[in-house]
Amino acid sequence: MSRVTLEIESSCSNISLMAVAINAIGAYAGLDRDKSNSVELALVEAVTNSIVHGYHGEPNHRVTVTIECDQRHIRFNLMDTGDPMQSDQVERLIRGRGINDAEYPDLSTIKEGGRGLEIIHRTMDQISYKREGRQNHLTLTSNLATD
């Protein structure tokens, strides 16, 4: 298994550098261009949520993404020490509940800033979240095409 760790300071201006690296690693691991772009977007949403919601936009904190690849999967382990995700948000992220309900029958009507969990949920093949001590651990996995 191959592994690389990326770390940025909790400033939204640092997200684009991480995004470029994630896209390139996804392509290297075997994701096609569209899937690599979708995975990049999902990770951008997750890291943005860590900074905006977990750290409340405060700088001088760390967001770490460890990327693991094998022949079948690419796994992204995001870690931060911000506020934990609320249980209803975890439910939306992992199970998709409440994302496309009667309030938003057309996803294009969801307000700006309200699509991140939907993007992550629809893009990734496996999602898990846990809080251990003071750390949030979000694991996002994408299956690689196998012949």
Protein backbone atom coordinates (compact mmCIF):
# COMPACT_ATOMS: atom_id res chain seq x y z
CA MET A 1 0.00 0.00 0.00
CA SER A 2 1.28 3.47 -0.92
CA ARG A 3 0.75 6.34 1.50
CA VAL A 4 1.28 10.11 1.44
CA THR A 5 0.27 12.78 3.96
CA LEU A 6 -0.69 16.36 3.12
CA GLU A 7 -1.13 19.04 5.76
CA ILE A 8 -2.35 22.62 5.49
CA GLU A 9 -2.99 25.47 7.87
CA SER A 10 -6.68 26.17 8.43
CA SER A 11 -7.05 28.91 5.85
CA CYS A 12 -9.31 28.55 2.83
CA SER A 13 -6.55 30.08 0.70
CA ASN A 14 -4.55 26.85 1.21
CA ILE A 15 -7.24 24.51 -0.09
CA SER A 16 -6.41 24.94 -3.79
CA LEU A 17 -2.86 23.62 -3.29
CA MET A 18 -4.22 20.54 -1.53
CA ALA A 19 -6.83 20.11 -4.29
CA VAL A 20 -4.20 20.02 -7.03
CA ALA A 21 -2.21 17.40 -5.13
CA ILE A 22 -5.31 15.27 -4.47
CA ASN A 23 -6.31 15.36 -8.14
CA ALA A 24 -2.84 14.35 -9.28
CA ILE A 25 -2.65 11.52 -6.73
CA GLY A 26 -6.09 10.31 -7.79
CA ALA A 27 -5.01 10.19 -11.42
CA TYR A 28 -1.77 8.44 -10.46
CA ALA A 29 -3.77 5.84 -8.49
CA GLY A 30 -5.89 5.03 -11.55
CA LEU A 31 -8.99 7.22 -11.30
CA ASP A 32 -10.17 8.40 -14.70
CA ARG A 33 -10.23 12.15 -15.30
CA ASP A 34 -13.90 12.66 -14.40
CA LYS A 35 -13.69 10.55 -11.24
CA SER A 36 -10.45 12.23 -10.18
CA ASN A 37 -12.10 15.64 -10.59
CA SER A 38 -15.15 14.49 -8.60
CA VAL A 39 -12.99 13.09 -5.81
CA GLU A 40 -11.01 16.33 -5.73
CA LEU A 41 -14.25 18.29 -5.35
CA ALA A 42 -15.45 15.99 -2.55
CA LEU A 43 -12.17 16.46 -0.67
CA VAL A 44 -12.27 20.21 -1.18
CA GLU A 45 -15.75 20.21 0.37
CA ALA A 46 -14.59 18.09 3.31
CA VAL A 47 -11.50 20.22 4.00
CA THR A 48 -13.55 23.41 3.64
CA ASN A 49 -16.04 22.05 6.19
CA SER A 50 -13.18 21.34 8.60
CA ILE A 51 -11.92 24.90 8.30
CA VAL A 52 -15.26 26.75 8.21
CA HIS A 53 -17.31 24.65 10.63
CA GLY A 54 -14.73 22.81 12.73
CA TYR A 55 -12.33 25.70 13.23
CA HIS A 56 -14.85 28.52 12.56
CA GLY A 57 -12.48 30.00 9.99
CA GLU A 58 -9.72 30.54 12.53
CA PRO A 59 -6.16 30.25 11.14
CA ASN A 60 -3.22 28.53 12.84
CA HIS A 61 -4.82 25.09 13.06
CA ARG A 62 -3.98 22.01 11.01
CA VAL A 63 -6.00 19.92 8.59
CA THR A 64 -4.26 16.68 7.63
CA VAL A 65 -5.16 14.34 4.79
CA THR A 66 -3.43 10.98 4.60
CA ILE A 67 -3.97 9.24 1.27
CA GLU A 68 -3.59 5.48 0.98
CA CYS A 69 -3.71 3.59 -2.30
CA ASP A 70 -3.79 -0.07 -3.10
CA GLN A 71 -4.87 -1.92 -6.24
CA ARG A 72 -8.59 -1.63 -5.43
CA HIS A 73 -9.10 1.62 -3.46
CA ILE A 74 -7.89 5.11 -2.79
CA ARG A 75 -8.63 6.17 0.78
CA PHE A 76 -8.50 9.71 2.19
CA ASN A 77 -8.21 10.05 5.97
CA LEU A 78 -8.94 13.63 7.05
CA MET A 79 -8.01 14.67 10.58
CA ASP A 80 -8.53 17.90 12.47
CA THR A 81 -9.01 19.02 16.06
CA GLY A 82 -11.94 21.34 15.40
CA ASP A 83 -15.45 21.02 16.75
CA PRO A 84 -17.00 17.59 16.11
CA MET A 85 -19.63 17.13 13.43
CA GLN A 86 -23.20 17.25 14.70
CA SER A 87 -24.99 13.91 14.60
CA ASP A 88 -27.55 15.07 12.01
CA GLN A 89 -24.72 16.17 9.73
CA VAL A 90 -22.97 12.81 10.13
CA GLU A 91 -26.26 11.10 9.25
CA ARG A 92 -26.64 13.26 6.13
CA LEU A 93 -23.06 12.59 5.08
CA ILE A 94 -22.94 8.85 5.60
CA ARG A 95 -26.49 7.76 4.85
CA GLY A 96 -27.65 10.60 2.62
CA ARG A 97 -30.67 11.19 4.81
CA GLY A 98 -32.17 14.64 4.63
CA ILE A 99 -30.14 15.66 1.60
CA ASN A 100 -32.72 15.23 -1.12
CA ASP A 101 -35.92 15.42 0.88
CA ALA A 102 -39.12 17.34 0.22
CA GLU A 103 -37.41 20.63 1.07
CA TYR A 104 -34.97 20.16 -1.85
CA PRO A 105 -36.61 17.95 -4.49
CA ASP A 106 -34.30 19.56 -7.06
CA LEU A 107 -30.68 19.61 -5.83
CA SER A 108 -30.00 22.73 -7.89
CA THR A 109 -32.27 24.65 -5.50
CA ILE A 110 -30.07 23.96 -2.47
CA LYS A 111 -28.52 27.24 -1.34
CA GLU A 112 -24.87 27.90 -2.04
CA GLY A 113 -22.82 26.38 0.73
CA GLY A 114 -25.42 23.67 1.33
CA ARG A 115 -24.22 21.09 -1.18
CA GLY A 116 -20.98 19.86 0.35
CA LEU A 117 -22.37 16.84 2.18
CA GLU A 118 -24.40 15.88 -0.89
CA ILE A 119 -21.31 16.07 -3.12
CA ILE A 120 -19.25 13.96 -0.72
CA HIS A 121 -22.04 11.41 -0.23
CA ARG A 122 -22.67 10.96 -3.95
CA THR A 123 -19.00 10.91 -4.96
CA MET A 124 -17.39 8.54 -2.49
CA ASP A 125 -17.98 4.78 -2.30
CA GLN A 126 -17.46 4.50 1.46
CA ILE A 127 -17.63 7.13 4.20
CA SER A 128 -16.97 6.92 7.92
CA TYR A 129 -16.65 9.49 10.66
CA LYS A 130 -15.56 9.20 14.27
CA ARG A 131 -14.34 11.44 17.04
CA GLU A 132 -11.39 10.07 19.03
CA GLY A 133 -10.35 12.20 21.94
CA ARG A 134 -9.99 15.68 20.49
CA GLN A 135 -9.59 14.55 16.89
CA ASN A 136 -12.13 14.25 14.11
CA HIS A 137 -11.46 11.40 11.67
CA LEU A 138 -13.30 11.41 8.35
CA THR A 139 -12.45 8.56 6.00
CA LEU A 140 -13.53 8.78 2.36
CA THR A 141 -12.88 5.85 0.03
CA SER A 142 -13.18 5.62 -3.73
CA ASN A 143 -13.05 2.30 -5.52
CA LEU A 144 -10.62 2.02 -8.40
CA ALA A 145 -11.73 0.45 -11.63
CA THR A 146 -10.68 -3.19 -11.75
CA ASP A 147 -10.50 -5.23 -14.93
